[in-house]
Amino acid sequence: MRKISILLFGMIFLSLFVGIPINHNWSFVFQYEFIDFPMMLRLYDVSNREIISWIVVLLSHVGIISLPFFLKRVYFRKMLFYFPFFFLIGFLMLRMEFLFLLLPFLIVWLITLRTEKKIRN
């Protein structure tokens, strides 16, 4: 379970703090999710599809952050699959460019799924 915990904290870290420098300023995934998009809601006409995608990203991100607290639950395996899956799908629908930034998150998620499967079997 220690390996899973370390991988989960890696996933949380990568889901929040992955970024890219743009014009000598860092732009992070969490900045877009929690700061920039709510500002866009107030200032611009945002489509319903984008709002639903953003809500999916927010809810699944809360689920990802809560994963370490559900390690010993029966439904942990489903949570480990569905929360990151919907997080990536939500960002795919919201801003496809962020999928490139979330590649390290995707890799750690796949390693976590494989490690969890080995531990359970």
PDB file of N, CA and C in Angstrom:
ATOM      1  N   MET A   1       0.817  -1.207   0.000  1.00  0.00           N
ATOM      2  CA  MET A   1       0.000   0.000   0.000  1.00  0.00           C
ATOM      3  C   MET A   1       0.857   1.267   0.000  1.00  0.00           C
ATOM      4  N   ARG A   2       2.086   1.137   0.473  1.00  0.00           N
ATOM      5  CA  ARG A   2       2.966   2.305   0.496  1.00  0.00           C
ATOM      6  C   ARG A   2       3.270   2.786  -0.926  1.00  0.00           C
ATOM      7  N   LYS A   3       3.492   1.829  -1.848  1.00  0.00           N
ATOM      8  CA  LYS A   3       3.744   2.199  -3.240  1.00  0.00           C
ATOM      9  C   LYS A   3       2.552   2.951  -3.817  1.00  0.00           C
ATOM     10  N   ILE A   4       1.370   2.442  -3.535  1.00  0.00           N
ATOM     11  CA  ILE A   4       0.152   3.082  -4.045  1.00  0.00           C
ATOM     12  C   ILE A   4       0.034   4.494  -3.482  1.00  0.00           C
ATOM     13  N   SER A   5       0.306   4.668  -2.199  1.00  0.00           N
ATOM     14  CA  SER A   5       0.214   5.997  -1.582  1.00  0.00           C
ATOM     15  C   SER A   5       1.175   6.974  -2.238  1.00  0.00           C
ATOM     16  N   ILE A   6       2.392   6.538  -2.479  1.00  0.00           N
ATOM     17  CA  ILE A   6       3.381   7.409  -3.121  1.00  0.00           C
ATOM     18  C   ILE A   6       2.930   7.770  -4.532  1.00  0.00           C
ATOM     19  N   LEU A   7       2.447   6.792  -5.267  1.00  0.00           N
ATOM     20  CA  LEU A   7       1.961   7.063  -6.624  1.00  0.00           C
ATOM     21  C   LEU A   7       0.749   7.988  -6.614  1.00  0.00           C
ATOM     22  N   LEU A   8      -0.143   7.821  -5.634  1.00  0.00           N
ATOM     23  CA  LEU A   8      -1.320   8.696  -5.545  1.00  0.00           C
ATOM     24  C   LEU A   8      -0.911  10.134  -5.272  1.00  0.00           C
ATOM     25  N   PHE A   9       0.048  10.331  -4.362  1.00  0.00           N
ATOM     26  CA  PHE A   9       0.505  11.695  -4.096  1.00  0.00           C
ATOM     27  C   PHE A   9       1.223  12.277  -5.311  1.00  0.00           C
ATOM     28  N   GLY A  10       1.902  11.424  -6.070  1.00  0.00           N
ATOM     29  CA  GLY A  10       2.482  11.881  -7.329  1.00  0.00           C
ATOM     30  C   GLY A  10       1.415  12.315  -8.317  1.00  0.00           C
ATOM     31  N   MET A  11       0.329  11.546  -8.388  1.00  0.00           N
ATOM     32  CA  MET A  11      -0.788  11.915  -9.268  1.00  0.00           C
ATOM     33  C   MET A  11      -1.393  13.248  -8.847  1.00  0.00           C
ATOM     34  N   ILE A  12      -1.594  13.426  -7.546  1.00  0.00           N
ATOM     35  CA  ILE A  12      -2.167  14.678  -7.050  1.00  0.00           C
ATOM     36  C   ILE A  12      -1.256  15.841  -7.403  1.00  0.00           C
ATOM     37  N   PHE A  13       0.026  15.680  -7.150  1.00  0.00           N
ATOM     38  CA  PHE A  13       0.992  16.730  -7.455  1.00  0.00           C
ATOM     39  C   PHE A  13       0.976  17.066  -8.946  1.00  0.00           C
ATOM     40  N   LEU A  14       1.002  16.042  -9.790  1.00  0.00           N
ATOM     41  CA  LEU A  14       1.021  16.272 -11.234  1.00  0.00           C
ATOM     42  C   LEU A  14      -0.294  16.849 -11.750  1.00  0.00           C
ATOM     43  N   SER A  15      -1.407  16.531 -11.098  1.00  0.00           N
ATOM     44  CA  SER A  15      -2.686  17.084 -11.552  1.00  0.00           C
ATOM     45  C   SER A  15      -2.820  18.558 -11.191  1.00  0.00           C
ATOM     46  N   LEU A  16      -2.049  19.011 -10.227  1.00  0.00           N
ATOM     47  CA  LEU A  16      -2.134  20.408  -9.807  1.00  0.00           C
ATOM     48  C   LEU A  16      -1.030  21.278 -10.398  1.00  0.00           C
ATOM     49  N   PHE A  17       0.199  20.809 -10.332  1.00  0.00           N
ATOM     50  CA  PHE A  17       1.333  21.694 -10.557  1.00  0.00           C
ATOM     51  C   PHE A  17       2.070  21.487 -11.863  1.00  0.00           C
ATOM     52  N   VAL A  18       1.480  20.822 -12.818  1.00  0.00           N
ATOM     53  CA  VAL A  18       2.096  20.722 -14.137  1.00  0.00           C
ATOM     54  C   VAL A  18       1.828  22.037 -14.849  1.00  0.00           C
ATOM     55  N   GLY A  19       2.866  22.589 -15.460  1.00  0.00           N
ATOM     56  CA  GLY A  19       2.695  23.870 -16.124  1.00  0.00           C
ATOM     57  C   GLY A  19       3.652  24.035 -17.284  1.00  0.00           C
ATOM     58  N   ILE A  20       3.543  25.192 -17.911  1.00  0.00           N
ATOM     59  CA  ILE A  20       4.382  25.511 -19.060  1.00  0.00           C
ATOM     60  C   ILE A  20       4.667  27.014 -19.024  1.00  0.00           C
ATOM     61  N   PRO A  21       5.902  27.414 -19.345  1.00  0.00           N
ATOM     62  CA  PRO A  21       6.188  28.850 -19.376  1.00  0.00           C
ATOM     63  C   PRO A  21       5.652  29.482 -20.663  1.00  0.00           C
ATOM     64  N   ILE A  22       4.896  30.544 -20.490  1.00  0.00           N
ATOM     65  CA  ILE A  22       4.368  31.303 -21.622  1.00  0.00           C
ATOM     66  C   ILE A  22       4.768  32.755 -21.407  1.00  0.00           C
ATOM     67  N   ASN A  23       5.584  33.287 -22.309  1.00  0.00           N
ATOM     68  CA  ASN A  23       6.078  34.663 -22.205  1.00  0.00           C
ATOM     69  C   ASN A  23       6.720  34.929 -20.845  1.00  0.00           C
ATOM     70  N   HIS A  24       7.574  34.037 -20.411  1.00  0.00           N
ATOM     71  CA  HIS A  24       8.315  34.140 -19.148  1.00  0.00           C
ATOM     72  C   HIS A  24       7.426  34.088 -17.916  1.00  0.00           C
ATOM     73  N   ASN A  25       6.189  33.672 -18.053  1.00  0.00           N
ATOM     74  CA  ASN A  25       5.280  33.455 -16.922  1.00  0.00           C
ATOM     75  C   ASN A  25       4.812  32.008 -16.966  1.00  0.00           C
ATOM     76  N   TRP A  26       4.782  31.377 -15.804  1.00  0.00           N
ATOM     77  CA  TRP A  26       4.336  29.989 -15.747  1.00  0.00           C
ATOM     78  C   TRP A  26       2.822  29.923 -15.716  1.00  0.00           C
ATOM     79  N   SER A  27       2.277  29.049 -16.514  1.00  0.00           N
ATOM     80  CA  SER A  27       0.842  28.788 -16.530  1.00  0.00           C
ATOM     81  C   SER A  27       0.636  27.347 -16.078  1.00  0.00           C
ATOM     82  N   PHE A  28      -0.128  27.170 -15.006  1.00  0.00           N
ATOM     83  CA  PHE A  28      -0.331  25.853 -14.416  1.00  0.00           C
ATOM     84  C   PHE A  28      -1.743  25.354 -14.694  1.00  0.00           C
ATOM     85  N   VAL A  29      -1.912  24.035 -14.612  1.00  0.00           N
ATOM     86  CA  VAL A  29      -3.222  23.424 -14.811  1.00  0.00           C
ATOM     87  C   VAL A  29      -4.197  23.932 -13.755  1.00  0.00           C
ATOM     88  N   PHE A  30      -3.759  23.981 -12.485  1.00  0.00           N
ATOM     89  CA  PHE A  30      -4.669  24.426 -11.426  1.00  0.00           C
ATOM     90  C   PHE A  30      -5.057  25.883 -11.604  1.00  0.00           C
ATOM     91  N   GLN A  31      -4.153  26.691 -12.178  1.00  0.00           N
ATOM     92  CA  GLN A  31      -4.461  28.099 -12.405  1.00  0.00           C
ATOM     93  C   GLN A  31      -5.620  28.237 -13.390  1.00  0.00           C
ATOM     94  N   TYR A  32      -5.585  27.454 -14.460  1.00  0.00           N
ATOM     95  CA  TYR A  32      -6.676  27.501 -15.427  1.00  0.00           C
ATOM     96  C   TYR A  32      -7.969  26.977 -14.811  1.00  0.00           C
ATOM     97  N   GLU A  33      -7.844  25.888 -14.055  1.00  0.00           N
ATOM     98  CA  GLU A  33      -9.020  25.221 -13.501  1.00  0.00           C
ATOM     99  C   GLU A  33      -9.709  26.048 -12.413  1.00  0.00           C
ATOM    100  N   PHE A  34      -8.929  26.642 -11.527  1.00  0.00           N
ATOM    101  CA  PHE A  34      -9.504  27.302 -10.358  1.00  0.00           C
ATOM    102  C   PHE A  34      -9.525  28.829 -10.430  1.00  0.00           C
ATOM    103  N   ILE A  35      -8.723  29.429 -11.297  1.00  0.00           N
ATOM    104  CA  ILE A  35      -8.651  30.893 -11.348  1.00  0.00           C
ATOM    105  C   ILE A  35      -9.124  31.431 -12.696  1.00  0.00           C
ATOM    106  N   ASP A  36      -8.493  30.961 -13.778  1.00  0.00           N
ATOM    107  CA  ASP A  36      -8.765  31.533 -15.094  1.00  0.00           C
ATOM    108  C   ASP A  36     -10.158  31.204 -15.623  1.00  0.00           C
ATOM    109  N   PHE A  37     -10.589  29.952 -15.501  1.00  0.00           N
ATOM    110  CA  PHE A  37     -11.903  29.602 -16.038  1.00  0.00           C
ATOM    111  C   PHE A  37     -13.036  30.293 -15.284  1.00  0.00           C
ATOM    112  N   PRO A  38     -13.017  30.351 -13.938  1.00  0.00           N
ATOM    113  CA  PRO A  38     -14.073  31.124 -13.264  1.00  0.00           C
ATOM    114  C   PRO A  38     -14.085  32.596 -13.695  1.00  0.00           C
ATOM    115  N   MET A  39     -12.900  33.153 -13.987  1.00  0.00           N
ATOM    116  CA  MET A  39     -12.843  34.529 -14.467  1.00  0.00           C
ATOM    117  C   MET A  39     -13.460  34.623 -15.863  1.00  0.00           C
ATOM    118  N   MET A  40     -13.218  33.609 -16.689  1.00  0.00           N
ATOM    119  CA  MET A  40     -13.810  33.587 -18.025  1.00  0.00           C
ATOM    120  C   MET A  40     -15.335  33.507 -17.949  1.00  0.00           C
ATOM    121  N   LEU A  41     -15.840  32.792 -16.952  1.00  0.00           N
ATOM    122  CA  LEU A  41     -17.294  32.693 -16.783  1.00  0.00           C
ATOM    123  C   LEU A  41     -17.924  34.062 -16.558  1.00  0.00           C
ATOM    124  N   ARG A  42     -17.222  34.900 -15.820  1.00  0.00           N
ATOM    125  CA  ARG A  42     -17.750  36.238 -15.533  1.00  0.00           C
ATOM    126  C   ARG A  42     -17.593  37.196 -16.707  1.00  0.00           C
ATOM    127  N   LEU A  43     -16.492  37.061 -17.444  1.00  0.00           N
ATOM    128  CA  LEU A  43     -16.170  38.065 -18.451  1.00  0.00           C
ATOM    129  C   LEU A  43     -16.637  37.727 -19.863  1.00  0.00           C
ATOM    130  N   TYR A  44     -16.752  36.447 -20.183  1.00  0.00           N
ATOM    131  CA  TYR A  44     -17.052  36.045 -21.556  1.00  0.00           C
ATOM    132  C   TYR A  44     -18.290  35.165 -21.608  1.00  0.00           C
ATOM    133  N   ASP A  45     -18.784  35.006 -22.819  1.00  0.00           N
ATOM    134  CA  ASP A  45     -19.904  34.100 -23.045  1.00  0.00           C
ATOM    135  C   ASP A  45     -19.332  32.698 -23.243  1.00  0.00           C
ATOM    136  N   VAL A  46     -19.499  31.850 -22.244  1.00  0.00           N
ATOM    137  CA  VAL A  46     -18.946  30.496 -22.272  1.00  0.00           C
ATOM    138  C   VAL A  46     -20.078  29.524 -22.565  1.00  0.00           C
ATOM    139  N   SER A  47     -19.814  28.566 -23.449  1.00  0.00           N
ATOM    140  CA  SER A  47     -20.861  27.618 -23.839  1.00  0.00           C
ATOM    141  C   SER A  47     -21.195  26.656 -22.699  1.00  0.00           C
ATOM    142  N   ASN A  48     -22.381  26.083 -22.778  1.00  0.00           N
ATOM    143  CA  ASN A  48     -22.815  25.114 -21.764  1.00  0.00           C
ATOM    144  C   ASN A  48     -21.919  23.880 -21.749  1.00  0.00           C
ATOM    145  N   ARG A  49     -21.439  23.470 -22.914  1.00  0.00           N
ATOM    146  CA  ARG A  49     -20.533  22.323 -22.992  1.00  0.00           C
ATOM    147  C   ARG A  49     -19.255  22.584 -22.202  1.00  0.00           C
ATOM    148  N   GLU A  50     -18.724  23.788 -22.320  1.00  0.00           N
ATOM    149  CA  GLU A  50     -17.511  24.133 -21.573  1.00  0.00           C
ATOM    150  C   GLU A  50     -17.770  24.187 -20.073  1.00  0.00           C
ATOM    151  N   ILE A  51     -18.920  24.690 -19.685  1.00  0.00           N
ATOM    152  CA  ILE A  51     -19.261  24.748 -18.261  1.00  0.00           C
ATOM    153  C   ILE A  51     -19.409  23.339 -17.693  1.00  0.00           C
ATOM    154  N   ILE A  52     -20.082  22.460 -18.423  1.00  0.00           N
ATOM    155  CA  ILE A  52     -20.246  21.073 -17.965  1.00  0.00           C
ATOM    156  C   ILE A  52     -18.888  20.377 -17.896  1.00  0.00           C
ATOM    157  N   SER A  53     -18.038  20.607 -18.892  1.00  0.00           N
ATOM    158  CA  SER A  53     -16.697  20.017 -18.876  1.00  0.00           C
ATOM    159  C   SER A  53     -15.901  20.510 -17.675  1.00  0.00           C
ATOM    160  N   TRP A  54     -16.010  21.787 -17.369  1.00  0.00           N
ATOM    161  CA  TRP A  54     -15.304  22.362 -16.225  1.00  0.00           C
ATOM    162  C   TRP A  54     -15.805  21.759 -14.911  1.00  0.00           C
ATOM    163  N   ILE A  55     -17.113  21.568 -14.796  1.00  0.00           N
ATOM    164  CA  ILE A  55     -17.679  20.952 -13.589  1.00  0.00           C
ATOM    165  C   ILE A  55     -17.195  19.510 -13.457  1.00  0.00           C
ATOM    166  N   VAL A  56     -17.136  18.783 -14.577  1.00  0.00           N
ATOM    167  CA  VAL A  56     -16.613  17.410 -14.556  1.00  0.00           C
ATOM    168  C   VAL A  56     -15.155  17.414 -14.090  1.00  0.00           C
ATOM    169  N   VAL A  57     -14.365  18.348 -14.594  1.00  0.00           N
ATOM    170  CA  VAL A  57     -12.959  18.450 -14.190  1.00  0.00           C
ATOM    171  C   VAL A  57     -12.858  18.751 -12.699  1.00  0.00           C
ATOM    172  N   LEU A  58     -13.660  19.701 -12.213  1.00  0.00           N
ATOM    173  CA  LEU A  58     -13.618  20.052 -10.783  1.00  0.00           C
ATOM    174  C   LEU A  58     -13.987  18.868  -9.898  1.00  0.00           C
ATOM    175  N   LEU A  59     -15.088  18.206 -10.216  1.00  0.00           N
ATOM    176  CA  LEU A  59     -15.542  17.084  -9.387  1.00  0.00           C
ATOM    177  C   LEU A  59     -14.552  15.919  -9.430  1.00  0.00           C
ATOM    178  N   SER A  60     -14.035  15.628 -10.607  1.00  0.00           N
ATOM    179  CA  SER A  60     -13.076  14.526 -10.694  1.00  0.00           C
ATOM    180  C   SER A  60     -11.756  14.891 -10.023  1.00  0.00           C
ATOM    181  N   HIS A  61     -11.398  16.166 -10.041  1.00  0.00           N
ATOM    182  CA  HIS A  61     -10.177  16.589  -9.357  1.00  0.00           C
ATOM    183  C   HIS A  61     -10.325  16.449  -7.843  1.00  0.00           C
ATOM    184  N   VAL A  62     -11.485  16.786  -7.329  1.00  0.00           N
ATOM    185  CA  VAL A  62     -11.751  16.559  -5.904  1.00  0.00           C
ATOM    186  C   VAL A  62     -11.649  15.068  -5.596  1.00  0.00           C
ATOM    187  N   GLY A  63     -12.153  14.240  -6.492  1.00  0.00           N
ATOM    188  CA  GLY A  63     -12.051  12.793  -6.317  1.00  0.00           C
ATOM    189  C   GLY A  63     -10.614  12.310  -6.321  1.00  0.00           C
ATOM    190  N   ILE A  64      -9.791  12.861  -7.204  1.00  0.00           N
ATOM    191  CA  ILE A  64      -8.376  12.480  -7.258  1.00  0.00           C
ATOM    192  C   ILE A  64      -7.673  12.867  -5.966  1.00  0.00           C
ATOM    193  N   ILE A  65      -7.957  14.057  -5.475  1.00  0.00           N
ATOM    194  CA  ILE A  65      -7.330  14.518  -4.236  1.00  0.00           C
ATOM    195  C   ILE A  65      -7.771  13.668  -3.047  1.00  0.00           C
ATOM    196  N   SER A  66      -8.981  13.129  -3.099  1.00  0.00           N
ATOM    197  CA  SER A  66      -9.481  12.317  -1.980  1.00  0.00           C
ATOM    198  C   SER A  66      -9.070  10.848  -2.062  1.00  0.00           C
ATOM    199  N   LEU A  67      -8.462  10.415  -3.153  1.00  0.00           N
ATOM    200  CA  LEU A  67      -8.103   9.000  -3.325  1.00  0.00           C
ATOM    201  C   LEU A  67      -7.263   8.416  -2.182  1.00  0.00           C
ATOM    202  N   PRO A  68      -6.246   9.116  -1.665  1.00  0.00           N
ATOM    203  CA  PRO A  68      -5.454   8.512  -0.582  1.00  0.00           C
ATOM    204  C   PRO A  68      -6.268   8.179   0.670  1.00  0.00           C
ATOM    205  N   PHE A  69      -7.388   8.843   0.859  1.00  0.00           N
ATOM    206  CA  PHE A  69      -8.218   8.601   2.036  1.00  0.00           C
ATOM    207  C   PHE A  69      -9.132   7.384   1.873  1.00  0.00           C
ATOM    208  N   PHE A  70      -9.216   6.852   0.669  1.00  0.00           N
ATOM    209  CA  PHE A  70     -10.097   5.716   0.392  1.00  0.00           C
ATOM    210  C   PHE A  70      -9.317   4.459   0.006  1.00  0.00           C
ATOM    211  N   LEU A  71      -8.057   4.399   0.375  1.00  0.00           N
ATOM    212  CA  LEU A  71      -7.186   3.285  -0.015  1.00  0.00           C
ATOM    213  C   LEU A  71      -7.731   1.919   0.378  1.00  0.00           C
ATOM    214  N   LYS A  72      -8.291   1.791   1.543  1.00  0.00           N
ATOM    215  CA  LYS A  72      -8.710   0.477   2.042  1.00  0.00           C
ATOM    216  C   LYS A  72     -10.191   0.208   1.834  1.00  0.00           C
ATOM    217  N   ARG A  73     -10.833   1.003   1.036  1.00  0.00           N
ATOM    218  CA  ARG A  73     -12.252   0.798   0.757  1.00  0.00           C
ATOM    219  C   ARG A  73     -12.430  -0.194  -0.387  1.00  0.00           C
ATOM    220  N   VAL A  74     -13.586  -0.824  -0.406  1.00  0.00           N
ATOM    221  CA  VAL A  74     -13.902  -1.814  -1.440  1.00  0.00           C
ATOM    222  C   VAL A  74     -13.973  -1.155  -2.819  1.00  0.00           C
ATOM    223  N   TYR A  75     -14.480   0.050  -2.885  1.00  0.00           N
ATOM    224  CA  TYR A  75     -14.696   0.731  -4.158  1.00  0.00           C
ATOM    225  C   TYR A  75     -13.488   1.562  -4.596  1.00  0.00           C
ATOM    226  N   PHE A  76     -12.337   1.382  -3.957  1.00  0.00           N
ATOM    227  CA  PHE A  76     -11.139   2.159  -4.307  1.00  0.00           C
ATOM    228  C   PHE A  76     -10.717   1.930  -5.754  1.00  0.00           C
ATOM    229  N   ARG A  77     -10.765   0.689  -6.224  1.00  0.00           N
ATOM    230  CA  ARG A  77     -10.334   0.377  -7.593  1.00  0.00           C
ATOM    231  C   ARG A  77     -11.166   1.144  -8.624  1.00  0.00           C
ATOM    232  N   LYS A  78     -12.471   1.211  -8.401  1.00  0.00           N
ATOM    233  CA  LYS A  78     -13.334   1.959  -9.328  1.00  0.00           C
ATOM    234  C   LYS A  78     -13.025   3.450  -9.269  1.00  0.00           C
ATOM    235  N   MET A  79     -12.824   3.957  -8.048  1.00  0.00           N
ATOM    236  CA  MET A  79     -12.480   5.372  -7.902  1.00  0.00           C
ATOM    237  C   MET A  79     -11.154   5.676  -8.590  1.00  0.00           C
ATOM    238  N   LEU A  80     -10.184   4.788  -8.447  1.00  0.00           N
ATOM    239  CA  LEU A  80      -8.865   4.972  -9.055  1.00  0.00           C
ATOM    240  C   LEU A  80      -8.954   4.991 -10.576  1.00  0.00           C
ATOM    241  N   PHE A  81      -9.907   4.295 -11.126  1.00  0.00           N
ATOM    242  CA  PHE A  81     -10.075   4.318 -12.576  1.00  0.00           C
ATOM    243  C   PHE A  81     -10.895   5.525 -13.033  1.00  0.00           C
ATOM    244  N   TYR A  82     -12.066   5.727 -12.425  1.00  0.00           N
ATOM    245  CA  TYR A  82     -13.013   6.701 -12.958  1.00  0.00           C
ATOM    246  C   TYR A  82     -12.640   8.157 -12.699  1.00  0.00           C
ATOM    247  N   PHE A  83     -12.137   8.512 -11.529  1.00  0.00           N
ATOM    248  CA  PHE A  83     -11.816   9.919 -11.269  1.00  0.00           C
ATOM    249  C   PHE A  83     -10.740  10.451 -12.221  1.00  0.00           C
ATOM    250  N   PRO A  84      -9.584   9.781 -12.363  1.00  0.00           N
ATOM    251  CA  PRO A  84      -8.603  10.286 -13.335  1.00  0.00           C
ATOM    252  C   PRO A  84      -9.101  10.215 -14.782  1.00  0.00           C
ATOM    253  N   PHE A  85      -9.890   9.187 -15.098  1.00  0.00           N
ATOM    254  CA  PHE A  85     -10.424   9.066 -16.453  1.00  0.00           C
ATOM    255  C   PHE A  85     -11.293  10.275 -16.801  1.00  0.00           C
ATOM    256  N   PHE A  86     -12.231  10.613 -15.917  1.00  0.00           N
ATOM    257  CA  PHE A  86     -13.100  11.760 -16.193  1.00  0.00           C
ATOM    258  C   PHE A  86     -12.343  13.082 -16.107  1.00  0.00           C
ATOM    259  N   PHE A  87     -11.301  13.138 -15.292  1.00  0.00           N
ATOM    260  CA  PHE A  87     -10.446  14.323 -15.232  1.00  0.00           C
ATOM    261  C   PHE A  87      -9.800  14.565 -16.596  1.00  0.00           C
ATOM    262  N   LEU A  88      -9.243  13.523 -17.183  1.00  0.00           N
ATOM    263  CA  LEU A  88      -8.602  13.657 -18.493  1.00  0.00           C
ATOM    264  C   LEU A  88      -9.621  13.930 -19.596  1.00  0.00           C
ATOM    265  N   ILE A  89     -10.758  13.247 -19.559  1.00  0.00           N
ATOM    266  CA  ILE A  89     -11.805  13.477 -20.563  1.00  0.00           C
ATOM    267  C   ILE A  89     -12.349  14.903 -20.444  1.00  0.00           C
ATOM    268  N   GLY A  90     -12.545  15.365 -19.215  1.00  0.00           N
ATOM    269  CA  GLY A  90     -13.020  16.733 -19.005  1.00  0.00           C
ATOM    270  C   GLY A  90     -12.060  17.754 -19.579  1.00  0.00           C
ATOM    271  N   PHE A  91     -10.767  17.573 -19.333  1.00  0.00           N
ATOM    272  CA  PHE A  91      -9.790  18.501 -19.904  1.00  0.00           C
ATOM    273  C   PHE A  91      -9.701  18.352 -21.415  1.00  0.00           C
ATOM    274  N   LEU A  92      -9.894  17.143 -21.918  1.00  0.00           N
ATOM    275  CA  LEU A  92      -9.901  16.934 -23.363  1.00  0.00           C
ATOM    276  C   LEU A  92     -11.033  17.737 -24.003  1.00  0.00           C
ATOM    277  N   MET A  93     -12.189  17.752 -23.364  1.00  0.00           N
ATOM    278  CA  MET A  93     -13.329  18.503 -23.894  1.00  0.00           C
ATOM    279  C   MET A  93     -13.181  20.000 -23.646  1.00  0.00           C
ATOM    280  N   LEU A  94     -12.499  20.371 -22.576  1.00  0.00           N
ATOM    281  CA  LEU A  94     -12.364  21.778 -22.208  1.00  0.00           C
ATOM    282  C   LEU A  94     -11.245  22.456 -22.996  1.00  0.00           C
ATOM    283  N   ARG A  95     -10.044  21.954 -22.854  1.00  0.00           N
ATOM    284  CA  ARG A  95      -8.877  22.492 -23.546  1.00  0.00           C
ATOM    285  C   ARG A  95      -7.967  21.338 -23.924  1.00  0.00           C
ATOM    286  N   MET A  96      -7.963  20.973 -25.175  1.00  0.00           N
ATOM    287  CA  MET A  96      -7.198  19.820 -25.624  1.00  0.00           C
ATOM    288  C   MET A  96      -5.693  19.998 -25.387  1.00  0.00           C
ATOM    289  N   GLU A  97      -5.216  21.248 -25.363  1.00  0.00           N
ATOM    290  CA  GLU A  97      -3.788  21.499 -25.169  1.00  0.00           C
ATOM    291  C   GLU A  97      -3.304  20.993 -23.816  1.00  0.00           C
ATOM    292  N   PHE A  98      -4.180  21.010 -22.828  1.00  0.00           N
ATOM    293  CA  PHE A  98      -3.783  20.580 -21.491  1.00  0.00           C
ATOM    294  C   PHE A  98      -3.527  19.078 -21.428  1.00  0.00           C
ATOM    295  N   LEU A  99      -4.043  18.338 -22.377  1.00  0.00           N
ATOM    296  CA  LEU A  99      -3.781  16.900 -22.393  1.00  0.00           C
ATOM    297  C   LEU A  99      -2.289  16.630 -22.577  1.00  0.00           C
ATOM    298  N   PHE A 100      -1.618  17.474 -23.351  1.00  0.00           N
ATOM    299  CA  PHE A 100      -0.171  17.349 -23.516  1.00  0.00           C
ATOM    300  C   PHE A 100       0.534  17.580 -22.182  1.00  0.00           C
ATOM    301  N   LEU A 101       0.085  18.579 -21.441  1.00  0.00           N
ATOM    302  CA  LEU A 101       0.679  18.855 -20.129  1.00  0.00           C
ATOM    303  C   LEU A 101       0.386  17.747 -19.126  1.00  0.00           C
ATOM    304  N   LEU A 102      -0.726  17.067 -19.307  1.00  0.00           N
ATOM    305  CA  LEU A 102      -1.121  16.029 -18.356  1.00  0.00           C
ATOM    306  C   LEU A 102      -0.581  14.643 -18.721  1.00  0.00           C
ATOM    307  N   LEU A 103       0.310  14.565 -19.698  1.00  0.00           N
ATOM    308  CA  LEU A 103       0.916  13.270 -20.044  1.00  0.00           C
ATOM    309  C   LEU A 103       1.660  12.635 -18.861  1.00  0.00           C
ATOM    310  N   PRO A 104       2.455  13.386 -18.075  1.00  0.00           N
ATOM    311  CA  PRO A 104       3.076  12.761 -16.899  1.00  0.00           C
ATOM    312  C   PRO A 104       2.036  12.223 -15.915  1.00  0.00           C
ATOM    313  N   PHE A 105       0.940  12.949 -15.742  1.00  0.00           N
ATOM    314  CA  PHE A 105      -0.147  12.480 -14.883  1.00  0.00           C
ATOM    315  C   PHE A 105      -0.717  11.173 -15.425  1.00  0.00           C
ATOM    316  N   LEU A 106      -0.934  11.118 -16.726  1.00  0.00           N
ATOM    317  CA  LEU A 106      -1.470   9.917 -17.372  1.00  0.00           C
ATOM    318  C   LEU A 106      -0.544   8.718 -17.156  1.00  0.00           C
ATOM    319  N   ILE A 107       0.752   8.934 -17.304  1.00  0.00           N
ATOM    320  CA  ILE A 107       1.718   7.850 -17.125  1.00  0.00           C
ATOM    321  C   ILE A 107       1.704   7.345 -15.686  1.00  0.00           C
ATOM    322  N   VAL A 108       1.722   8.262 -14.720  1.00  0.00           N
ATOM    323  CA  VAL A 108       1.697   7.857 -13.307  1.00  0.00           C
ATOM    324  C   VAL A 108       0.381   7.158 -12.984  1.00  0.00           C
ATOM    325  N   TRP A 109      -0.715   7.613 -13.565  1.00  0.00           N
ATOM    326  CA  TRP A 109      -2.014   6.966 -13.340  1.00  0.00           C
ATOM    327  C   TRP A 109      -1.996   5.520 -13.844  1.00  0.00           C
ATOM    328  N   LEU A 110      -1.452   5.308 -15.043  1.00  0.00           N
ATOM    329  CA  LEU A 110      -1.381   3.952 -15.592  1.00  0.00           C
ATOM    330  C   LEU A 110      -0.475   3.057 -14.744  1.00  0.00           C
ATOM    331  N   ILE A 111       0.632   3.601 -14.255  1.00  0.00           N
ATOM    332  CA  ILE A 111       1.513   2.840 -13.362  1.00  0.00           C
ATOM    333  C   ILE A 111       0.786   2.506 -12.070  1.00  0.00           C
ATOM    334  N   THR A 112       0.016   3.455 -11.556  1.00  0.00           N
ATOM    335  CA  THR A 112      -0.744   3.223 -10.323  1.00  0.00           C
ATOM    336  C   THR A 112      -1.790   2.137 -10.527  1.00  0.00           C
ATOM    337  N   LEU A 113      -2.488   2.173 -11.652  1.00  0.00           N
ATOM    338  CA  LEU A 113      -3.475   1.129 -11.945  1.00  0.00           C
ATOM    339  C   LEU A 113      -2.821  -0.248 -12.005  1.00  0.00           C
ATOM    340  N   ARG A 114      -1.690  -0.312 -12.661  1.00  0.00           N
ATOM    341  CA  ARG A 114      -0.990  -1.599 -12.785  1.00  0.00           C
ATOM    342  C   ARG A 114      -0.478  -2.085 -11.425  1.00  0.00           C
ATOM    343  N   THR A 115       0.078  -1.177 -10.634  1.00  0.00           N
ATOM    344  CA  THR A 115       0.586  -1.537  -9.307  1.00  0.00           C
ATOM    345  C   THR A 115      -0.547  -1.988  -8.404  1.00  0.00           C
ATOM    346  N   GLU A 116      -1.663  -1.301  -8.463  1.00  0.00           N
ATOM    347  CA  GLU A 116      -2.817  -1.670  -7.635  1.00  0.00           C
ATOM    348  C   GLU A 116      -3.342  -3.045  -8.030  1.00  0.00           C
ATOM    349  N   LYS A 117      -3.332  -3.329  -9.317  1.00  0.00           N
ATOM    350  CA  LYS A 117      -3.793  -4.636  -9.793  1.00  0.00           C
ATOM    351  C   LYS A 117      -2.873  -5.750  -9.295  1.00  0.00           C
ATOM    352  N   LYS A 118      -1.568  -5.505  -9.320  1.00  0.00           N
ATOM    353  CA  LYS A 118      -0.613  -6.501  -8.823  1.00  0.00           C
ATOM    354  C   LYS A 118      -0.787  -6.735  -7.326  1.00  0.00           C
ATOM    355  N   ILE A 119      -1.040  -5.684  -6.575  1.00  0.00           N
ATOM    356  CA  ILE A 119      -1.210  -5.814  -5.125  1.00  0.00           C
ATOM    357  C   ILE A 119      -2.487  -6.578  -4.803  1.00  0.00           C
ATOM    358  N   ARG A 120      -3.563  -6.307  -5.516  1.00  0.00           N
ATOM    359  CA  ARG A 120      -4.850  -6.964  -5.259  1.00  0.00           C
ATOM    360  C   ARG A 120      -4.821  -8.448  -5.613  1.00  0.00           C
ATOM    361  N   ASN A 121      -4.044  -8.798  -6.637  1.00  0.00           N
ATOM    362  CA  ASN A 121      -3.992 -10.210  -7.077  1.00  0.00           C
ATOM    363  C   ASN A 121      -2.943 -10.928  -6.330  1.00  0.00           C
TER     364      ASN A 121
END
